Amino acid sequence: MLAHERHGSGTPIVLIHGIGHRRQGWDPIVPLLVAAGHEVITVDLPGHGESPAYDAQGKPVRQYLHEVFEEFYAQIGIEQPHVVGNSLGGLIALEAAMNGNARSVVGLSPAGFWKGDLDFLYVRTLFRTMIGAAGLLAPVAPVLFRTKLGKVVGFSWLSSHASRIPADVAVADLHNMLAARPAVRELFGGAFRFEGPLPVPATIAWSQHDKVLLPYQGRHARKVLPEAFHTVLRGVGHVPMLDDAELVARTILDTVARAERIDNAA
């Protein structure tokens, strides 16, 4: 089973992190969603955090992730939760909607909307470069990340306010990224675009200062998914939970409320 945590009670919301990250990235958001009356489930992707290794056994990435999460939902006894994802997690959330496994979805700078090979090369090269840099920084990370400058050096590509990241979180995130390298290679090797349309209420929220999936991809997502609600998350980077937990929580809760209004009216 995928490593996960469950918090609170009520209508379930599943939170899925991005490539190279871990479930603890959602920690700033969890209490805000629990306080609003929801059960919140955070989960580590295969080969990330404390989950088992990525083992697709020759299956395409798209099929493998679908099967992994469908099995996960069955194992923990939930059906059609609200699903929220960041980056690759956003793409997984959108896929969940297409597969009938989501009541609503929120994609926070979701993957799957690059236009061509050059765009994808940029993302792949950025990750390769930053993972390489993480390997060089790892021996000095516990000291380096006690300083604001050190955290900016390590995480400004993901966060607009990297200096605010707690030192212990920064160190753990760096080591997690390094440990996830085999899964990252597999996921990039089988990357795919999302085409829709979406059969459930959805929000696509692009980070204003995204340096990974550049904001023009949000404009492309508007063309691909005109049925979704589209918004820009002001003042945040690619991993917006690090920068403005309240903004992200509000975006999620607005989408959940919209879905529940539709359900109640049906």
C-alpha atoms as a PDB file:
ATOM      1  CA  MET A   1       0.000   0.000   0.000  1.00  0.00           C
ATOM      2  CA  LEU A   2       1.107   3.545  -0.664  1.00  0.00           C
ATOM      3  CA  ALA A   3       2.337   5.339   2.449  1.00  0.00           C
ATOM      4  CA  HIS A   4      -0.307   7.767   3.626  1.00  0.00           C
ATOM      5  CA  GLU A   5      -1.807   9.657   6.541  1.00  0.00           C
ATOM      6  CA  ARG A   6      -5.449  10.291   7.399  1.00  0.00           C
ATOM      7  CA  HIS A   7      -6.607  13.332   9.351  1.00  0.00           C
ATOM      8  CA  GLY A   8     -10.021  14.485  10.539  1.00  0.00           C
ATOM      9  CA  SER A   9     -13.428  13.205   9.482  1.00  0.00           C
ATOM     10  CA  GLY A  10     -16.053  14.051   6.897  1.00  0.00           C
ATOM     11  CA  THR A  11     -16.086  14.075   3.115  1.00  0.00           C
ATOM     12  CA  PRO A  12     -12.655  12.804   2.003  1.00  0.00           C
ATOM     13  CA  ILE A  13     -10.114  14.964   0.185  1.00  0.00           C
ATOM     14  CA  VAL A  14      -7.034  13.229  -1.229  1.00  0.00           C
ATOM     15  CA  LEU A  15      -3.880  15.332  -1.654  1.00  0.00           C
ATOM     16  CA  ILE A  16      -1.242  14.121  -4.152  1.00  0.00           C
ATOM     17  CA  HIS A  17       2.211  15.723  -4.343  1.00  0.00           C
ATOM     18  CA  GLY A  18       4.376  16.268  -7.393  1.00  0.00           C
ATOM     19  CA  ILE A  19       7.365  14.454  -8.840  1.00  0.00           C
ATOM     20  CA  GLY A  20      10.325  14.353  -6.455  1.00  0.00           C
ATOM     21  CA  HIS A  21       8.259  15.613  -3.486  1.00  0.00           C
ATOM     22  CA  ARG A  22       6.527  13.830  -0.562  1.00  0.00           C
ATOM     23  CA  ARG A  23       3.236  13.840   1.292  1.00  0.00           C
ATOM     24  CA  GLN A  24       4.532  16.121   4.063  1.00  0.00           C
ATOM     25  CA  GLY A  25       4.500  18.965   1.552  1.00  0.00           C
ATOM     26  CA  TRP A  26       0.774  19.246   2.285  1.00  0.00           C
ATOM     27  CA  ASP A  27       1.207  19.642   6.052  1.00  0.00           C
ATOM     28  CA  PRO A  28       0.486  23.413   6.033  1.00  0.00           C
ATOM     29  CA  ILE A  29      -2.840  22.757   4.259  1.00  0.00           C
ATOM     30  CA  VAL A  30      -4.123  19.776   6.231  1.00  0.00           C
ATOM     31  CA  PRO A  31      -5.369  21.542   9.406  1.00  0.00           C
ATOM     32  CA  LEU A  32      -7.231  24.136   7.352  1.00  0.00           C
ATOM     33  CA  LEU A  33      -9.144  21.449   5.456  1.00  0.00           C
ATOM     34  CA  VAL A  34      -9.793  19.411   8.598  1.00  0.00           C
ATOM     35  CA  ALA A  35     -11.163  22.507  10.323  1.00  0.00           C
ATOM     36  CA  ALA A  36     -13.608  22.876   7.427  1.00  0.00           C
ATOM     37  CA  GLY A  37     -15.057  19.432   8.176  1.00  0.00           C
ATOM     38  CA  HIS A  38     -13.191  17.073   5.866  1.00  0.00           C
ATOM     39  CA  GLU A  39     -11.172  13.907   6.171  1.00  0.00           C
ATOM     40  CA  VAL A  40      -7.828  14.660   4.569  1.00  0.00           C
ATOM     41  CA  ILE A  41      -5.633  11.926   3.119  1.00  0.00           C
ATOM     42  CA  THR A  42      -2.057  12.678   2.112  1.00  0.00           C
ATOM     43  CA  VAL A  43      -0.186  10.037   0.129  1.00  0.00           C
ATOM     44  CA  ASP A  44       3.325   9.357  -1.155  1.00  0.00           C
ATOM     45  CA  LEU A  45       3.662   8.491  -4.841  1.00  0.00           C
ATOM     46  CA  PRO A  46       5.324   5.165  -5.746  1.00  0.00           C
ATOM     47  CA  GLY A  47       9.072   5.482  -5.261  1.00  0.00           C
ATOM     48  CA  HIS A  48       8.672   8.625  -3.153  1.00  0.00           C
ATOM     49  CA  GLY A  49       8.673   9.237   0.577  1.00  0.00           C
ATOM     50  CA  GLU A  50       7.842   6.035   2.427  1.00  0.00           C
ATOM     51  CA  SER A  51       5.920   4.323  -0.375  1.00  0.00           C
ATOM     52  CA  PRO A  52       7.167   1.127  -2.065  1.00  0.00           C
ATOM     53  CA  ALA A  53       9.505   1.461  -5.024  1.00  0.00           C
ATOM     54  CA  TYR A  54       8.162   2.431  -8.429  1.00  0.00           C
ATOM     55  CA  ASP A  55       7.523  -0.911 -10.147  1.00  0.00           C
ATOM     56  CA  ALA A  56       5.387  -0.614 -13.268  1.00  0.00           C
ATOM     57  CA  GLN A  57       6.398  -4.060 -14.573  1.00  0.00           C
ATOM     58  CA  GLY A  58       6.465  -2.758 -18.130  1.00  0.00           C
ATOM     59  CA  LYS A  59       3.132  -0.925 -17.981  1.00  0.00           C
ATOM     60  CA  PRO A  60       2.879   2.625 -19.354  1.00  0.00           C
ATOM     61  CA  VAL A  61       3.075   5.333 -16.696  1.00  0.00           C
ATOM     62  CA  ARG A  62      -0.516   6.393 -17.276  1.00  0.00           C
ATOM     63  CA  GLN A  63      -1.891   2.882 -16.791  1.00  0.00           C
ATOM     64  CA  TYR A  64       0.360   2.119 -13.837  1.00  0.00           C
ATOM     65  CA  LEU A  65      -0.595   5.257 -11.890  1.00  0.00           C
ATOM     66  CA  HIS A  66      -4.285   4.670 -12.595  1.00  0.00           C
ATOM     67  CA  GLU A  67      -4.071   1.117 -11.256  1.00  0.00           C
ATOM     68  CA  VAL A  68      -1.992   2.122  -8.226  1.00  0.00           C
ATOM     69  CA  PHE A  69      -4.454   4.784  -7.117  1.00  0.00           C
ATOM     70  CA  GLU A  70      -7.552   2.743  -7.888  1.00  0.00           C
ATOM     71  CA  GLU A  71      -6.129  -0.024  -5.701  1.00  0.00           C
ATOM     72  CA  PHE A  72      -5.160   2.504  -3.020  1.00  0.00           C
ATOM     73  CA  TYR A  73      -8.691   3.900  -2.813  1.00  0.00           C
ATOM     74  CA  ALA A  74     -10.073   0.371  -2.504  1.00  0.00           C
ATOM     75  CA  GLN A  75      -7.555  -0.503   0.220  1.00  0.00           C
ATOM     76  CA  ILE A  76      -8.446   2.487   2.382  1.00  0.00           C
ATOM     77  CA  GLY A  77     -12.166   2.157   1.693  1.00  0.00           C
ATOM     78  CA  ILE A  78     -13.076   5.386  -0.114  1.00  0.00           C
ATOM     79  CA  GLU A  79     -14.942   6.025  -3.343  1.00  0.00           C
ATOM     80  CA  GLN A  80     -14.876   9.180  -5.445  1.00  0.00           C
ATOM     81  CA  PRO A  81     -13.090  11.529  -3.056  1.00  0.00           C
ATOM     82  CA  HIS A  82     -12.325  15.100  -3.940  1.00  0.00           C
ATOM     83  CA  VAL A  83      -8.814  14.865  -5.398  1.00  0.00           C
ATOM     84  CA  VAL A  84      -6.204  17.624  -5.312  1.00  0.00           C
ATOM     85  CA  GLY A  85      -2.775  17.433  -6.872  1.00  0.00           C
ATOM     86  CA  ASN A  86       0.270  19.576  -7.481  1.00  0.00           C
ATOM     87  CA  SER A  87       2.360  19.204 -10.656  1.00  0.00           C
ATOM     88  CA  LEU A  88       2.391  15.461 -11.494  1.00  0.00           C
ATOM     89  CA  GLY A  89      -0.127  15.042  -8.685  1.00  0.00           C
ATOM     90  CA  GLY A  90      -2.381  17.471 -10.529  1.00  0.00           C
ATOM     91  CA  LEU A  91      -2.215  15.339 -13.653  1.00  0.00           C
ATOM     92  CA  ILE A  92      -3.038  12.259 -11.552  1.00  0.00           C
ATOM     93  CA  ALA A  93      -6.025  14.116 -10.084  1.00  0.00           C
ATOM     94  CA  LEU A  94      -7.298  15.012 -13.563  1.00  0.00           C
ATOM     95  CA  GLU A  95      -6.861  11.412 -14.669  1.00  0.00           C
ATOM     96  CA  ALA A  96      -8.842  10.286 -11.612  1.00  0.00           C
ATOM     97  CA  ALA A  97     -11.757  12.395 -12.817  1.00  0.00           C
ATOM     98  CA  MET A  98     -11.585  10.819 -16.271  1.00  0.00           C
ATOM     99  CA  ASN A  99     -11.556   7.349 -14.712  1.00  0.00           C
ATOM    100  CA  GLY A 100     -14.576   7.983 -12.478  1.00  0.00           C
ATOM    101  CA  ASN A 101     -12.484   8.078  -9.305  1.00  0.00           C
ATOM    102  CA  ALA A 102     -13.012  11.717  -8.294  1.00  0.00           C
ATOM    103  CA  ARG A 103     -15.980  13.794  -7.195  1.00  0.00           C
ATOM    104  CA  SER A 104     -14.110  17.001  -8.032  1.00  0.00           C
ATOM    105  CA  VAL A 105     -10.528  17.901  -8.866  1.00  0.00           C
ATOM    106  CA  VAL A 106      -8.098  20.725  -8.236  1.00  0.00           C
ATOM    107  CA  GLY A 107      -4.910  20.847 -10.281  1.00  0.00           C
ATOM    108  CA  LEU A 108      -2.249  23.147  -8.847  1.00  0.00           C
ATOM    109  CA  SER A 109       0.048  23.844 -11.823  1.00  0.00           C
ATOM    110  CA  PRO A 110      -0.752  20.365 -13.140  1.00  0.00           C
ATOM    111  CA  ALA A 111       1.574  18.498 -15.473  1.00  0.00           C
ATOM    112  CA  GLY A 112       0.382  17.436 -18.905  1.00  0.00           C
ATOM    113  CA  PHE A 113      -0.035  20.789 -20.657  1.00  0.00           C
ATOM    114  CA  TRP A 114       3.304  21.411 -22.351  1.00  0.00           C
ATOM    115  CA  LYS A 115       3.038  22.279 -26.044  1.00  0.00           C
ATOM    116  CA  GLY A 116       6.015  20.544 -27.606  1.00  0.00           C
ATOM    117  CA  ASP A 117       9.308  18.714 -27.195  1.00  0.00           C
ATOM    118  CA  LEU A 118      11.261  21.876 -26.351  1.00  0.00           C
ATOM    119  CA  ASP A 119       8.939  22.669 -23.448  1.00  0.00           C
ATOM    120  CA  PHE A 120       9.281  19.168 -22.067  1.00  0.00           C
ATOM    121  CA  LEU A 121      13.058  19.258 -22.517  1.00  0.00           C
ATOM    122  CA  TYR A 122      13.165  22.390 -20.334  1.00  0.00           C
ATOM    123  CA  VAL A 123      11.342  20.669 -17.474  1.00  0.00           C
ATOM    124  CA  ARG A 124      13.359  17.479 -17.728  1.00  0.00           C
ATOM    125  CA  THR A 125      16.646  19.400 -17.835  1.00  0.00           C
ATOM    126  CA  LEU A 126      15.600  21.552 -14.882  1.00  0.00           C
ATOM    127  CA  PHE A 127      14.905  18.500 -12.739  1.00  0.00           C
ATOM    128  CA  ARG A 128      18.098  16.785 -13.828  1.00  0.00           C
ATOM    129  CA  THR A 129      20.075  19.915 -12.939  1.00  0.00           C
ATOM    130  CA  MET A 130      18.433  20.457  -9.564  1.00  0.00           C
ATOM    131  CA  ILE A 131      18.683  16.805  -8.545  1.00  0.00           C
ATOM    132  CA  GLY A 132      22.360  16.940  -9.466  1.00  0.00           C
ATOM    133  CA  ALA A 133      22.739  20.078  -7.365  1.00  0.00           C
ATOM    134  CA  ALA A 134      20.904  18.370  -4.503  1.00  0.00           C
ATOM    135  CA  GLY A 135      23.495  15.607  -4.563  1.00  0.00           C
ATOM    136  CA  LEU A 136      26.267  18.172  -4.207  1.00  0.00           C
ATOM    137  CA  LEU A 137      24.465  20.035  -1.409  1.00  0.00           C
ATOM    138  CA  ALA A 138      23.444  16.970   0.601  1.00  0.00           C
ATOM    139  CA  PRO A 139      26.615  16.713   2.738  1.00  0.00           C
ATOM    140  CA  VAL A 140      26.277  20.325   3.918  1.00  0.00           C
ATOM    141  CA  ALA A 141      22.470  20.607   3.844  1.00  0.00           C
ATOM    142  CA  PRO A 142      21.923  20.480   7.640  1.00  0.00           C
ATOM    143  CA  VAL A 143      24.159  23.532   8.038  1.00  0.00           C
ATOM    144  CA  LEU A 144      23.313  25.298   4.780  1.00  0.00           C
ATOM    145  CA  PHE A 145      19.550  25.160   5.315  1.00  0.00           C
ATOM    146  CA  ARG A 146      19.782  26.845   8.697  1.00  0.00           C
ATOM    147  CA  THR A 147      20.341  30.041   6.736  1.00  0.00           C
ATOM    148  CA  LYS A 148      17.826  31.955   4.637  1.00  0.00           C
ATOM    149  CA  LEU A 149      20.313  32.221   1.782  1.00  0.00           C
ATOM    150  CA  GLY A 150      20.915  28.488   1.808  1.00  0.00           C
ATOM    151  CA  LYS A 151      17.205  27.734   1.527  1.00  0.00           C
ATOM    152  CA  VAL A 152      16.846  30.230  -1.310  1.00  0.00           C
ATOM    153  CA  VAL A 153      19.730  28.532  -3.144  1.00  0.00           C
ATOM    154  CA  GLY A 154      18.139  25.110  -2.674  1.00  0.00           C
ATOM    155  CA  PHE A 155      14.455  25.826  -3.177  1.00  0.00           C
ATOM    156  CA  SER A 156      13.817  29.109  -4.998  1.00  0.00           C
ATOM    157  CA  TRP A 157      13.025  27.105  -8.144  1.00  0.00           C
ATOM    158  CA  LEU A 158      10.014  25.658  -6.293  1.00  0.00           C
ATOM    159  CA  SER A 159       9.001  28.396  -3.869  1.00  0.00           C
ATOM    160  CA  SER A 160       8.633  32.167  -4.021  1.00  0.00           C
ATOM    161  CA  HIS A 161       9.363  32.330  -0.295  1.00  0.00           C
ATOM    162  CA  ALA A 162      11.971  29.619   0.090  1.00  0.00           C
ATOM    163  CA  SER A 163      13.596  31.374   3.052  1.00  0.00           C
ATOM    164  CA  ARG A 164      10.493  30.575   5.137  1.00  0.00           C
ATOM    165  CA  ILE A 165      10.838  26.797   4.780  1.00  0.00           C
ATOM    166  CA  PRO A 166      11.815  25.229   8.139  1.00  0.00           C
ATOM    167  CA  ALA A 167      15.370  23.893   8.051  1.00  0.00           C
ATOM    168  CA  ASP A 168      14.375  20.339   8.969  1.00  0.00           C
ATOM    169  CA  VAL A 169      11.737  20.292   6.226  1.00  0.00           C
ATOM    170  CA  ALA A 170      14.265  21.552   3.665  1.00  0.00           C
ATOM    171  CA  VAL A 171      16.783  18.852   4.598  1.00  0.00           C
ATOM    172  CA  ALA A 172      14.158  16.104   4.475  1.00  0.00           C
ATOM    173  CA  ASP A 173      12.821  17.336   1.119  1.00  0.00           C
ATOM    174  CA  LEU A 174      16.310  17.336  -0.377  1.00  0.00           C
ATOM    175  CA  HIS A 175      17.037  13.773   0.762  1.00  0.00           C
ATOM    176  CA  ASN A 176      13.629  12.628  -0.461  1.00  0.00           C
ATOM    177  CA  MET A 177      14.327  14.068  -3.904  1.00  0.00           C
ATOM    178  CA  LEU A 178      17.582  12.165  -4.090  1.00  0.00           C
ATOM    179  CA  ALA A 179      15.976   8.916  -2.941  1.00  0.00           C
ATOM    180  CA  ALA A 180      13.206   9.329  -5.540  1.00  0.00           C
ATOM    181  CA  ARG A 181      15.624   9.500  -8.496  1.00  0.00           C
ATOM    182  CA  PRO A 182      14.737   6.041  -9.931  1.00  0.00           C
ATOM    183  CA  ALA A 183      11.020   6.882  -9.884  1.00  0.00           C
ATOM    184  CA  VAL A 184      11.650  10.330 -11.356  1.00  0.00           C
ATOM    185  CA  ARG A 185      13.503   8.760 -14.304  1.00  0.00           C
ATOM    186  CA  GLU A 186      10.643   6.333 -14.956  1.00  0.00           C
ATOM    187  CA  LEU A 187       7.994   9.041 -14.706  1.00  0.00           C
ATOM    188  CA  PHE A 188       9.765  11.401 -17.076  1.00  0.00           C
ATOM    189  CA  GLY A 189      10.366   8.511 -19.477  1.00  0.00           C
ATOM    190  CA  GLY A 190       6.639   7.860 -19.715  1.00  0.00           C
ATOM    191  CA  ALA A 191       5.279  11.408 -19.463  1.00  0.00           C
ATOM    192  CA  PHE A 192       1.973  12.101 -21.199  1.00  0.00           C
ATOM    193  CA  ARG A 193      -0.300  15.042 -21.961  1.00  0.00           C
ATOM    194  CA  PHE A 194      -3.817  15.522 -20.651  1.00  0.00           C
ATOM    195  CA  GLU A 195      -6.587  16.156 -23.148  1.00  0.00           C
ATOM    196  CA  GLY A 196      -9.913  15.938 -21.239  1.00  0.00           C
ATOM    197  CA  PRO A 197     -12.737  16.844 -21.252  1.00  0.00           C
ATOM    198  CA  LEU A 198     -13.476  16.737 -17.528  1.00  0.00           C
ATOM    199  CA  PRO A 199     -16.724  15.131 -16.334  1.00  0.00           C
ATOM    200  CA  VAL A 200     -16.677  16.658 -12.819  1.00  0.00           C
ATOM    201  CA  PRO A 201     -16.254  20.154 -11.335  1.00  0.00           C
ATOM    202  CA  ALA A 202     -12.614  21.158 -11.672  1.00  0.00           C
ATOM    203  CA  THR A 203     -10.283  24.020 -10.894  1.00  0.00           C
ATOM    204  CA  ILE A 204      -6.972  24.566 -12.661  1.00  0.00           C
ATOM    205  CA  ALA A 205      -4.938  26.972 -10.507  1.00  0.00           C
ATOM    206  CA  TRP A 206      -1.590  28.066 -11.942  1.00  0.00           C
ATOM    207  CA  SER A 207       1.105  29.571  -9.746  1.00  0.00           C
ATOM    208  CA  GLN A 208       1.960  33.119 -10.794  1.00  0.00           C
ATOM    209  CA  HIS A 209       5.701  32.623 -10.299  1.00  0.00           C
ATOM    210  CA  ASP A 210       5.988  29.019 -11.466  1.00  0.00           C
ATOM    211  CA  LYS A 211       9.533  28.321 -12.673  1.00  0.00           C
ATOM    212  CA  VAL A 212       8.942  24.629 -13.410  1.00  0.00           C
ATOM    213  CA  LEU A 213       5.719  24.473 -15.427  1.00  0.00           C
ATOM    214  CA  LEU A 214       5.802  27.989 -16.807  1.00  0.00           C
ATOM    215  CA  PRO A 215       2.572  30.032 -16.536  1.00  0.00           C
ATOM    216  CA  TYR A 216       1.933  29.991 -20.301  1.00  0.00           C
ATOM    217  CA  GLN A 217       0.966  26.340 -19.770  1.00  0.00           C
ATOM    218  CA  GLY A 218      -1.941  27.619 -17.699  1.00  0.00           C
ATOM    219  CA  ARG A 219      -3.142  29.545 -20.730  1.00  0.00           C
ATOM    220  CA  HIS A 220      -2.833  26.393 -22.797  1.00  0.00           C
ATOM    221  CA  ALA A 221      -4.835  24.496 -20.159  1.00  0.00           C
ATOM    222  CA  ARG A 222      -7.657  27.032 -20.572  1.00  0.00           C
ATOM    223  CA  LYS A 223      -7.903  26.106 -24.244  1.00  0.00           C
ATOM    224  CA  VAL A 224      -7.752  22.373 -23.595  1.00  0.00           C
ATOM    225  CA  LEU A 225     -10.234  22.423 -20.684  1.00  0.00           C
ATOM    226  CA  PRO A 226     -12.702  25.275 -21.220  1.00  0.00           C
ATOM    227  CA  GLU A 227     -15.194  23.517 -18.937  1.00  0.00           C
ATOM    228  CA  ALA A 228     -12.939  23.930 -15.871  1.00  0.00           C
ATOM    229  CA  PHE A 229     -12.650  26.987 -13.647  1.00  0.00           C
ATOM    230  CA  HIS A 230      -9.247  28.587 -14.206  1.00  0.00           C
ATOM    231  CA  THR A 231      -7.430  30.908 -11.842  1.00  0.00           C
ATOM    232  CA  VAL A 232      -3.962  32.266 -11.060  1.00  0.00           C
ATOM    233  CA  LEU A 233      -2.502  31.839  -7.583  1.00  0.00           C
ATOM    234  CA  ARG A 234      -0.844  35.184  -6.922  1.00  0.00           C
ATOM    235  CA  GLY A 235       2.538  35.469  -5.279  1.00  0.00           C
ATOM    236  CA  VAL A 236       3.411  31.756  -5.156  1.00  0.00           C
ATOM    237  CA  GLY A 237       5.805  29.358  -6.831  1.00  0.00           C
ATOM    238  CA  HIS A 238       5.437  25.898  -8.344  1.00  0.00           C
ATOM    239  CA  VAL A 239       4.729  24.272  -4.963  1.00  0.00           C
ATOM    240  CA  PRO A 240       2.205  26.821  -3.654  1.00  0.00           C
ATOM    241  CA  MET A 241       1.627  25.034  -0.339  1.00  0.00           C
ATOM    242  CA  LEU A 242       5.080  26.253   0.706  1.00  0.00           C
ATOM    243  CA  ASP A 243       4.162  29.886   0.053  1.00  0.00           C
ATOM    244  CA  ASP A 244       0.507  30.516   0.923  1.00  0.00           C
ATOM    245  CA  ALA A 245      -1.346  27.710   2.686  1.00  0.00           C
ATOM    246  CA  GLU A 246      -4.503  29.760   3.190  1.00  0.00           C
ATOM    247  CA  LEU A 247      -4.771  30.653  -0.498  1.00  0.00           C
ATOM    248  CA  VAL A 248      -4.381  27.024  -1.533  1.00  0.00           C
ATOM    249  CA  ALA A 249      -6.853  25.784   1.083  1.00  0.00           C
ATOM    250  CA  ARG A 250      -9.399  28.385   0.001  1.00  0.00           C
ATOM    251  CA  THR A 251      -9.017  27.318  -3.628  1.00  0.00           C
ATOM    252  CA  ILE A 252      -9.605  23.687  -2.668  1.00  0.00           C
ATOM    253  CA  LEU A 253     -12.593  24.400  -0.435  1.00  0.00           C
ATOM    254  CA  ASP A 254     -14.245  26.625  -3.052  1.00  0.00           C
ATOM    255  CA  THR A 255     -14.042  23.773  -5.557  1.00  0.00           C
ATOM    256  CA  VAL A 256     -15.368  21.215  -3.076  1.00  0.00           C
ATOM    257  CA  ALA A 257     -18.272  23.521  -2.195  1.00  0.00           C
ATOM    258  CA  ARG A 258     -19.072  24.013  -5.890  1.00  0.00           C
ATOM    259  CA  ALA A 259     -19.165  20.250  -6.438  1.00  0.00           C
ATOM    260  CA  GLU A 260     -21.373  19.697  -3.406  1.00  0.00           C
ATOM    261  CA  ARG A 261     -23.829  22.363  -4.575  1.00  0.00           C
ATOM    262  CA  ILE A 262     -24.105  20.598  -7.914  1.00  0.00           C
ATOM    263  CA  ASP A 263     -24.618  17.236  -6.203  1.00  0.00           C
ATOM    264  CA  ASN A 264     -27.314  18.649  -3.909  1.00  0.00           C
ATOM    265  CA  ALA A 265     -29.137  20.234  -6.815  1.00  0.00           C
ATOM    266  CA  ALA A 266     -29.151  17.011  -8.843  1.00  0.00           C
END
